[in-house]
Amino acid sequence: MIDVLYFAWVRERIGLPKERIETGAATVADLVAELRLREERYEAAFADLTALRVAVDQQLTGFDAPLAGAREVAFFPPMTGG
């Protein structure tokens, strides 16, 4: 089981702040592929991965990051200063 957290417009599109899912995904990209197949709202949220950042166990990483042993994955838009 892995906790998947959604922030900002990702949360708005999916309609959930977080969920616990069972996955066989090896990488973040594999997890995204699984999620996109669930429902249209996931497809909309993950349509443009260049507009997303990801953290695995609170460490900023890329979509090629392995999920072995991970407890949490968070998806959010890029942060801007100001």
PDB file of N, CA and C in Angstrom:
ATOM      1  N   MET A   1       0.840  -1.187   0.000  1.00  0.00           N
ATOM      2  CA  MET A   1       0.000   0.000   0.000  1.00  0.00           C
ATOM      3  C   MET A   1       0.878   1.242   0.000  1.00  0.00           C
ATOM      4  N   ILE A   2       0.413   2.242  -0.707  1.00  0.00           N
ATOM      5  CA  ILE A   2       1.152   3.498  -0.784  1.00  0.00           C
ATOM      6  C   ILE A   2       0.150   4.652  -0.674  1.00  0.00           C
ATOM      7  N   ASP A   3       0.538   5.694   0.050  1.00  0.00           N
ATOM      8  CA  ASP A   3      -0.292   6.890   0.140  1.00  0.00           C
ATOM      9  C   ASP A   3       0.049   7.793  -1.035  1.00  0.00           C
ATOM     10  N   VAL A   4      -0.980   8.241  -1.744  1.00  0.00           N
ATOM     11  CA  VAL A   4      -0.791   9.151  -2.864  1.00  0.00           C
ATOM     12  C   VAL A   4      -1.481  10.459  -2.491  1.00  0.00           C
ATOM     13  N   LEU A   5      -0.698  11.549  -2.487  1.00  0.00           N
ATOM     14  CA  LEU A   5      -1.203  12.858  -2.112  1.00  0.00           C
ATOM     15  C   LEU A   5      -1.283  13.757  -3.333  1.00  0.00           C
ATOM     16  N   TYR A   6      -2.348  14.558  -3.380  1.00  0.00           N
ATOM     17  CA  TYR A   6      -2.567  15.473  -4.496  1.00  0.00           C
ATOM     18  C   TYR A   6      -2.698  16.897  -3.948  1.00  0.00           C
ATOM     19  N   PHE A   7      -2.010  17.847  -4.590  1.00  0.00           N
ATOM     20  CA  PHE A   7      -2.039  19.227  -4.138  1.00  0.00           C
ATOM     21  C   PHE A   7      -2.490  20.169  -5.243  1.00  0.00           C
ATOM     22  N   ALA A   8      -3.046  21.322  -4.831  1.00  0.00           N
ATOM     23  CA  ALA A   8      -3.439  22.412  -5.717  1.00  0.00           C
ATOM     24  C   ALA A   8      -4.414  21.915  -6.788  1.00  0.00           C
ATOM     25  N   TRP A   9      -4.170  22.271  -8.053  1.00  0.00           N
ATOM     26  CA  TRP A   9      -5.122  21.918  -9.109  1.00  0.00           C
ATOM     27  C   TRP A   9      -5.188  20.417  -9.368  1.00  0.00           C
ATOM     28  N   VAL A  10      -4.156  19.673  -8.983  1.00  0.00           N
ATOM     29  CA  VAL A  10      -4.203  18.209  -9.139  1.00  0.00           C
ATOM     30  C   VAL A  10      -5.320  17.668  -8.241  1.00  0.00           C
ATOM     31  N   ARG A  11      -5.344  18.145  -6.998  1.00  0.00           N
ATOM     32  CA  ARG A  11      -6.395  17.738  -6.050  1.00  0.00           C
ATOM     33  C   ARG A  11      -7.769  18.149  -6.569  1.00  0.00           C
ATOM     34  N   GLU A  12      -7.866  19.358  -7.132  1.00  0.00           N
ATOM     35  CA  GLU A  12      -9.152  19.835  -7.648  1.00  0.00           C
ATOM     36  C   GLU A  12      -9.667  18.956  -8.783  1.00  0.00           C
ATOM     37  N   ARG A  13      -8.791  18.544  -9.666  1.00  0.00           N
ATOM     38  CA  ARG A  13      -9.222  17.711 -10.805  1.00  0.00           C
ATOM     39  C   ARG A  13      -9.614  16.308 -10.379  1.00  0.00           C
ATOM     40  N   ILE A  14      -8.866  15.747  -9.430  1.00  0.00           N
ATOM     41  CA  ILE A  14      -9.148  14.385  -8.993  1.00  0.00           C
ATOM     42  C   ILE A  14     -10.279  14.362  -7.962  1.00  0.00           C
ATOM     43  N   GLY A  15     -10.368  15.423  -7.156  1.00  0.00           N
ATOM     44  CA  GLY A  15     -11.439  15.500  -6.170  1.00  0.00           C
ATOM     45  C   GLY A  15     -11.095  14.893  -4.827  1.00  0.00           C
ATOM     46  N   LEU A  16      -9.839  14.552  -4.628  1.00  0.00           N
ATOM     47  CA  LEU A  16      -9.382  13.964  -3.364  1.00  0.00           C
ATOM     48  C   LEU A  16      -8.065  14.599  -2.945  1.00  0.00           C
ATOM     49  N   PRO A  17      -7.853  14.810  -1.642  1.00  0.00           N
ATOM     50  CA  PRO A  17      -6.548  15.293  -1.199  1.00  0.00           C
ATOM     51  C   PRO A  17      -5.515  14.166  -1.130  1.00  0.00           C
ATOM     52  N   LYS A  18      -5.995  12.946  -0.839  1.00  0.00           N
ATOM     53  CA  LYS A  18      -5.089  11.794  -0.800  1.00  0.00           C
ATOM     54  C   LYS A  18      -5.886  10.503  -0.831  1.00  0.00           C
ATOM     55  N   GLU A  19      -5.194   9.449  -1.169  1.00  0.00           N
ATOM     56  CA  GLU A  19      -5.802   8.118  -1.141  1.00  0.00           C
ATOM     57  C   GLU A  19      -4.710   7.083  -0.919  1.00  0.00           C
ATOM     58  N   ARG A  20      -5.093   5.958  -0.384  1.00  0.00           N
ATOM     59  CA  ARG A  20      -4.161   4.845  -0.175  1.00  0.00           C
ATOM     60  C   ARG A  20      -4.500   3.809  -1.229  1.00  0.00           C
ATOM     61  N   ILE A  21      -3.487   3.428  -2.005  1.00  0.00           N
ATOM     62  CA  ILE A  21      -3.758   2.482  -3.082  1.00  0.00           C
ATOM     63  C   ILE A  21      -2.791   1.303  -3.040  1.00  0.00           C
ATOM     64  N   GLU A  22      -3.256   0.237  -3.601  1.00  0.00           N
ATOM     65  CA  GLU A  22      -2.436  -0.964  -3.814  1.00  0.00           C
ATOM     66  C   GLU A  22      -1.912  -0.868  -5.234  1.00  0.00           C
ATOM     67  N   THR A  23      -0.600  -0.964  -5.397  1.00  0.00           N
ATOM     68  CA  THR A  23      -0.028  -0.841  -6.727  1.00  0.00           C
ATOM     69  C   THR A  23       1.141  -1.798  -6.909  1.00  0.00           C
ATOM     70  N   GLY A  24       1.312  -2.207  -8.138  1.00  0.00           N
ATOM     71  CA  GLY A  24       2.472  -3.010  -8.498  1.00  0.00           C
ATOM     72  C   GLY A  24       3.474  -2.190  -9.288  1.00  0.00           C
ATOM     73  N   ALA A  25       3.267  -0.875  -9.318  1.00  0.00           N
ATOM     74  CA  ALA A  25       4.121   0.019 -10.096  1.00  0.00           C
ATOM     75  C   ALA A  25       5.560  -0.008  -9.601  1.00  0.00           C
ATOM     76  N   ALA A  26       6.497  -0.052 -10.540  1.00  0.00           N
ATOM     77  CA  ALA A  26       7.919  -0.054 -10.193  1.00  0.00           C
ATOM     78  C   ALA A  26       8.478   1.360 -10.077  1.00  0.00           C
ATOM     79  N   THR A  27       7.893   2.291 -10.837  1.00  0.00           N
ATOM     80  CA  THR A  27       8.374   3.676 -10.835  1.00  0.00           C
ATOM     81  C   THR A  27       7.185   4.633 -10.706  1.00  0.00           C
ATOM     82  N   VAL A  28       7.481   5.899 -10.474  1.00  0.00           N
ATOM     83  CA  VAL A  28       6.429   6.909 -10.428  1.00  0.00           C
ATOM     84  C   VAL A  28       5.680   6.945 -11.760  1.00  0.00           C
ATOM     85  N   ALA A  29       6.403   6.860 -12.863  1.00  0.00           N
ATOM     86  CA  ALA A  29       5.760   6.872 -14.184  1.00  0.00           C
ATOM     87  C   ALA A  29       4.785   5.706 -14.329  1.00  0.00           C
ATOM     88  N   ASP A  30       5.147   4.539 -13.824  1.00  0.00           N
ATOM     89  CA  ASP A  30       4.244   3.383 -13.864  1.00  0.00           C
ATOM     90  C   ASP A  30       2.983   3.651 -13.040  1.00  0.00           C
ATOM     91  N   LEU A  31       3.170   4.282 -11.876  1.00  0.00           N
ATOM     92  CA  LEU A  31       2.034   4.633 -11.024  1.00  0.00           C
ATOM     93  C   LEU A  31       1.106   5.608 -11.751  1.00  0.00           C
ATOM     94  N   VAL A  32       1.667   6.614 -12.381  1.00  0.00           N
ATOM     95  CA  VAL A  32       0.871   7.581 -13.138  1.00  0.00           C
ATOM     96  C   VAL A  32       0.084   6.860 -14.242  1.00  0.00           C
ATOM     97  N   ALA A  33       0.729   5.927 -14.931  1.00  0.00           N
ATOM     98  CA  ALA A  33       0.046   5.173 -15.993  1.00  0.00           C
ATOM     99  C   ALA A  33      -1.142   4.400 -15.418  1.00  0.00           C
ATOM    100  N   GLU A  34      -0.961   3.787 -14.245  1.00  0.00           N
ATOM    101  CA  GLU A  34      -2.061   3.067 -13.587  1.00  0.00           C
ATOM    102  C   GLU A  34      -3.191   4.021 -13.224  1.00  0.00           C
ATOM    103  N   LEU A  35      -2.841   5.157 -12.653  1.00  0.00           N
ATOM    104  CA  LEU A  35      -3.856   6.119 -12.228  1.00  0.00           C
ATOM    105  C   LEU A  35      -4.640   6.667 -13.417  1.00  0.00           C
ATOM    106  N   ARG A  36      -3.945   6.954 -14.506  1.00  0.00           N
ATOM    107  CA  ARG A  36      -4.610   7.515 -15.695  1.00  0.00           C
ATOM    108  C   ARG A  36      -5.663   6.563 -16.254  1.00  0.00           C
ATOM    109  N   LEU A  37      -5.495   5.271 -16.057  1.00  0.00           N
ATOM    110  CA  LEU A  37      -6.453   4.282 -16.559  1.00  0.00           C
ATOM    111  C   LEU A  37      -7.699   4.166 -15.683  1.00  0.00           C
ATOM    112  N   ARG A  38      -7.650   4.714 -14.469  1.00  0.00           N
ATOM    113  CA  ARG A  38      -8.764   4.585 -13.528  1.00  0.00           C
ATOM    114  C   ARG A  38     -10.034   5.272 -14.007  1.00  0.00           C
ATOM    115  N   GLU A  39      -9.942   6.583 -14.212  1.00  0.00           N
ATOM    116  CA  GLU A  39     -11.108   7.385 -14.564  1.00  0.00           C
ATOM    117  C   GLU A  39     -10.658   8.601 -15.349  1.00  0.00           C
ATOM    118  N   GLU A  40     -11.616   9.270 -15.968  1.00  0.00           N
ATOM    119  CA  GLU A  40     -11.319  10.450 -16.771  1.00  0.00           C
ATOM    120  C   GLU A  40     -10.696  11.574 -15.941  1.00  0.00           C
ATOM    121  N   ARG A  41     -11.095  11.691 -14.676  1.00  0.00           N
ATOM    122  CA  ARG A  41     -10.538  12.767 -13.837  1.00  0.00           C
ATOM    123  C   ARG A  41      -9.041  12.576 -13.594  1.00  0.00           C
ATOM    124  N   TYR A  42      -8.587  11.338 -13.502  1.00  0.00           N
ATOM    125  CA  TYR A  42      -7.146  11.079 -13.356  1.00  0.00           C
ATOM    126  C   TYR A  42      -6.423  11.384 -14.663  1.00  0.00           C
ATOM    127  N   GLU A  43      -7.040  11.004 -15.762  1.00  0.00           N
ATOM    128  CA  GLU A  43      -6.470  11.300 -17.075  1.00  0.00           C
ATOM    129  C   GLU A  43      -6.285  12.806 -17.231  1.00  0.00           C
ATOM    130  N   ALA A  44      -7.263  13.587 -16.808  1.00  0.00           N
ATOM    131  CA  ALA A  44      -7.173  15.051 -16.895  1.00  0.00           C
ATOM    132  C   ALA A  44      -6.067  15.588 -15.993  1.00  0.00           C
ATOM    133  N   ALA A  45      -5.945  15.046 -14.804  1.00  0.00           N
ATOM    134  CA  ALA A  45      -4.941  15.539 -13.854  1.00  0.00           C
ATOM    135  C   ALA A  45      -3.518  15.242 -14.318  1.00  0.00           C
ATOM    136  N   PHE A  46      -3.335  14.115 -14.985  1.00  0.00           N
ATOM    137  CA  PHE A  46      -1.989  13.695 -15.394  1.00  0.00           C
ATOM    138  C   PHE A  46      -1.749  13.835 -16.897  1.00  0.00           C
ATOM    139  N   ALA A  47      -2.561  14.642 -17.567  1.00  0.00           N
ATOM    140  CA  ALA A  47      -2.441  14.796 -19.018  1.00  0.00           C
ATOM    141  C   ALA A  47      -1.118  15.433 -19.443  1.00  0.00           C
ATOM    142  N   ASP A  48      -0.605  16.356 -18.651  1.00  0.00           N
ATOM    143  CA  ASP A  48       0.632  17.063 -19.002  1.00  0.00           C
ATOM    144  C   ASP A  48       1.627  16.939 -17.853  1.00  0.00           C
ATOM    145  N   LEU A  49       2.483  15.945 -17.913  1.00  0.00           N
ATOM    146  CA  LEU A  49       3.432  15.698 -16.825  1.00  0.00           C
ATOM    147  C   LEU A  49       4.482  16.794 -16.696  1.00  0.00           C
ATOM    148  N   THR A  50       4.678  17.586 -17.746  1.00  0.00           N
ATOM    149  CA  THR A  50       5.644  18.685 -17.637  1.00  0.00           C
ATOM    150  C   THR A  50       5.130  19.771 -16.694  1.00  0.00           C
ATOM    151  N   ALA A  51       3.826  19.748 -16.404  1.00  0.00           N
ATOM    152  CA  ALA A  51       3.233  20.728 -15.501  1.00  0.00           C
ATOM    153  C   ALA A  51       3.162  20.195 -14.066  1.00  0.00           C
ATOM    154  N   LEU A  52       3.800  19.067 -13.805  1.00  0.00           N
ATOM    155  CA  LEU A  52       3.742  18.439 -12.489  1.00  0.00           C
ATOM    156  C   LEU A  52       5.129  18.194 -11.916  1.00  0.00           C
ATOM    157  N   ARG A  53       5.184  18.217 -10.604  1.00  0.00           N
ATOM    158  CA  ARG A  53       6.365  17.793  -9.866  1.00  0.00           C
ATOM    159  C   ARG A  53       5.933  16.632  -8.988  1.00  0.00           C
ATOM    160  N   VAL A  54       6.906  15.839  -8.566  1.00  0.00           N
ATOM    161  CA  VAL A  54       6.592  14.674  -7.742  1.00  0.00           C
ATOM    162  C   VAL A  54       7.619  14.540  -6.628  1.00  0.00           C
ATOM    163  N   ALA A  55       7.148  14.076  -5.487  1.00  0.00           N
ATOM    164  CA  ALA A  55       8.028  13.776  -4.361  1.00  0.00           C
ATOM    165  C   ALA A  55       7.711  12.361  -3.888  1.00  0.00           C
ATOM    166  N   VAL A  56       8.750  11.600  -3.607  1.00  0.00           N
ATOM    167  CA  VAL A  56       8.606  10.258  -3.050  1.00  0.00           C
ATOM    168  C   VAL A  56       9.168  10.303  -1.637  1.00  0.00           C
ATOM    169  N   ASP A  57       8.336   9.946  -0.678  1.00  0.00           N
ATOM    170  CA  ASP A  57       8.713  10.033   0.741  1.00  0.00           C
ATOM    171  C   ASP A  57       9.318  11.400   1.069  1.00  0.00           C
ATOM    172  N   GLN A  58       8.669  12.439   0.577  1.00  0.00           N
ATOM    173  CA  GLN A  58       8.985  13.845   0.836  1.00  0.00           C
ATOM    174  C   GLN A  58      10.323  14.301   0.251  1.00  0.00           C
ATOM    175  N   GLN A  59      10.825  13.571  -0.738  1.00  0.00           N
ATOM    176  CA  GLN A  59      12.032  13.966  -1.453  1.00  0.00           C
ATOM    177  C   GLN A  59      11.668  14.234  -2.906  1.00  0.00           C
ATOM    178  N   LEU A  60      11.943  15.461  -3.362  1.00  0.00           N
ATOM    179  CA  LEU A  60      11.662  15.817  -4.748  1.00  0.00           C
ATOM    180  C   LEU A  60      12.437  14.898  -5.684  1.00  0.00           C
ATOM    181  N   THR A  61      11.762  14.372  -6.682  1.00  0.00           N
ATOM    182  CA  THR A  61      12.386  13.395  -7.570  1.00  0.00           C
ATOM    183  C   THR A  61      11.773  13.500  -8.961  1.00  0.00           C
ATOM    184  N   GLY A  62      12.163  12.611  -9.842  1.00  0.00           N
ATOM    185  CA  GLY A  62      11.618  12.568 -11.186  1.00  0.00           C
ATOM    186  C   GLY A  62      10.622  11.431 -11.328  1.00  0.00           C
ATOM    187  N   PHE A  63       9.979  11.393 -12.493  1.00  0.00           N
ATOM    188  CA  PHE A  63       8.981  10.360 -12.738  1.00  0.00           C
ATOM    189  C   PHE A  63       9.607   8.984 -12.965  1.00  0.00           C
ATOM    190  N   ASP A  64      10.928   8.942 -13.139  1.00  0.00           N
ATOM    191  CA  ASP A  64      11.607   7.654 -13.293  1.00  0.00           C
ATOM    192  C   ASP A  64      12.055   7.072 -11.949  1.00  0.00           C
ATOM    193  N   ALA A  65      11.721   7.739 -10.857  1.00  0.00           N
ATOM    194  CA  ALA A  65      12.130   7.285  -9.525  1.00  0.00           C
ATOM    195  C   ALA A  65      11.474   5.949  -9.180  1.00  0.00           C
ATOM    196  N   PRO A  66      12.248   5.035  -8.573  1.00  0.00           N
ATOM    197  CA  PRO A  66      11.681   3.750  -8.163  1.00  0.00           C
ATOM    198  C   PRO A  66      10.743   3.908  -6.964  1.00  0.00           C
ATOM    199  N   LEU A  67       9.757   3.030  -6.874  1.00  0.00           N
ATOM    200  CA  LEU A  67       8.807   3.063  -5.762  1.00  0.00           C
ATOM    201  C   LEU A  67       9.050   1.972  -4.731  1.00  0.00           C
ATOM    202  N   ALA A  68      10.023   1.124  -4.946  1.00  0.00           N
ATOM    203  CA  ALA A  68      10.290   0.029  -4.004  1.00  0.00           C
ATOM    204  C   ALA A  68      10.525   0.594  -2.603  1.00  0.00           C
ATOM    205  N   GLY A  69       9.713   0.166  -1.660  1.00  0.00           N
ATOM    206  CA  GLY A  69       9.847   0.598  -0.283  1.00  0.00           C
ATOM    207  C   GLY A  69       9.249   1.964   0.022  1.00  0.00           C
ATOM    208  N   ALA A  70       8.741   2.654  -0.978  1.00  0.00           N
ATOM    209  CA  ALA A  70       8.169   3.986  -0.753  1.00  0.00           C
ATOM    210  C   ALA A  70       6.846   3.869  -0.006  1.00  0.00           C
ATOM    211  N   ARG A  71       6.597   4.847   0.859  1.00  0.00           N
ATOM    212  CA  ARG A  71       5.337   4.884   1.599  1.00  0.00           C
ATOM    213  C   ARG A  71       4.408   5.977   1.097  1.00  0.00           C
ATOM    214  N   GLU A  72       4.997   7.003   0.433  1.00  0.00           N
ATOM    215  CA  GLU A  72       4.186   8.144   0.038  1.00  0.00           C
ATOM    216  C   GLU A  72       4.687   8.740  -1.270  1.00  0.00           C
ATOM    217  N   VAL A  73       3.737   9.102  -2.142  1.00  0.00           N
ATOM    218  CA  VAL A  73       4.042   9.827  -3.377  1.00  0.00           C
ATOM    219  C   VAL A  73       3.126  11.036  -3.406  1.00  0.00           C
ATOM    220  N   ALA A  74       3.695  12.208  -3.680  1.00  0.00           N
ATOM    221  CA  ALA A  74       2.913  13.438  -3.737  1.00  0.00           C
ATOM    222  C   ALA A  74       3.071  14.086  -5.108  1.00  0.00           C
ATOM    223  N   PHE A  75       1.966  14.553  -5.650  1.00  0.00           N
ATOM    224  CA  PHE A  75       1.956  15.243  -6.942  1.00  0.00           C
ATOM    225  C   PHE A  75       1.493  16.683  -6.730  1.00  0.00           C
ATOM    226  N   PHE A  76       2.203  17.638  -7.345  1.00  0.00           N
ATOM    227  CA  PHE A  76       1.883  19.042  -7.175  1.00  0.00           C
ATOM    228  C   PHE A  76       2.448  19.845  -8.331  1.00  0.00           C
ATOM    229  N   PRO A  77       1.878  21.027  -8.579  1.00  0.00           N
ATOM    230  CA  PRO A  77       2.426  21.892  -9.631  1.00  0.00           C
ATOM    231  C   PRO A  77       3.744  22.506  -9.170  1.00  0.00           C
ATOM    232  N   PRO A  78       4.557  22.993 -10.094  1.00  0.00           N
ATOM    233  CA  PRO A  78       5.815  23.642  -9.717  1.00  0.00           C
ATOM    234  C   PRO A  78       5.552  24.833  -8.804  1.00  0.00           C
ATOM    235  N   MET A  79       6.445  25.031  -7.868  1.00  0.00           N
ATOM    236  CA  MET A  79       6.330  26.165  -6.956  1.00  0.00           C
ATOM    237  C   MET A  79       6.931  27.399  -7.634  1.00  0.00           C
ATOM    238  N   THR A  80       6.315  28.536  -7.385  1.00  0.00           N
ATOM    239  CA  THR A  80       6.854  29.780  -7.916  1.00  0.00           C
ATOM    240  C   THR A  80       7.138  30.718  -6.759  1.00  0.00           C
ATOM    241  N   GLY A  81       8.156  31.511  -6.914  1.00  0.00           N
ATOM    242  CA  GLY A  81       8.510  32.474  -5.868  1.00  0.00           C
ATOM    243  C   GLY A  81       7.715  33.745  -6.020  1.00  0.00           C
ATOM    244  N   GLY A  82       7.845  34.611  -4.998  1.00  0.00           N
ATOM    245  CA  GLY A  82       7.143  35.866  -5.146  1.00  0.00           C
ATOM    246  C   GLY A  82       6.798  36.499  -3.841  1.00  0.00           C
TER     247      GLY A  82
END
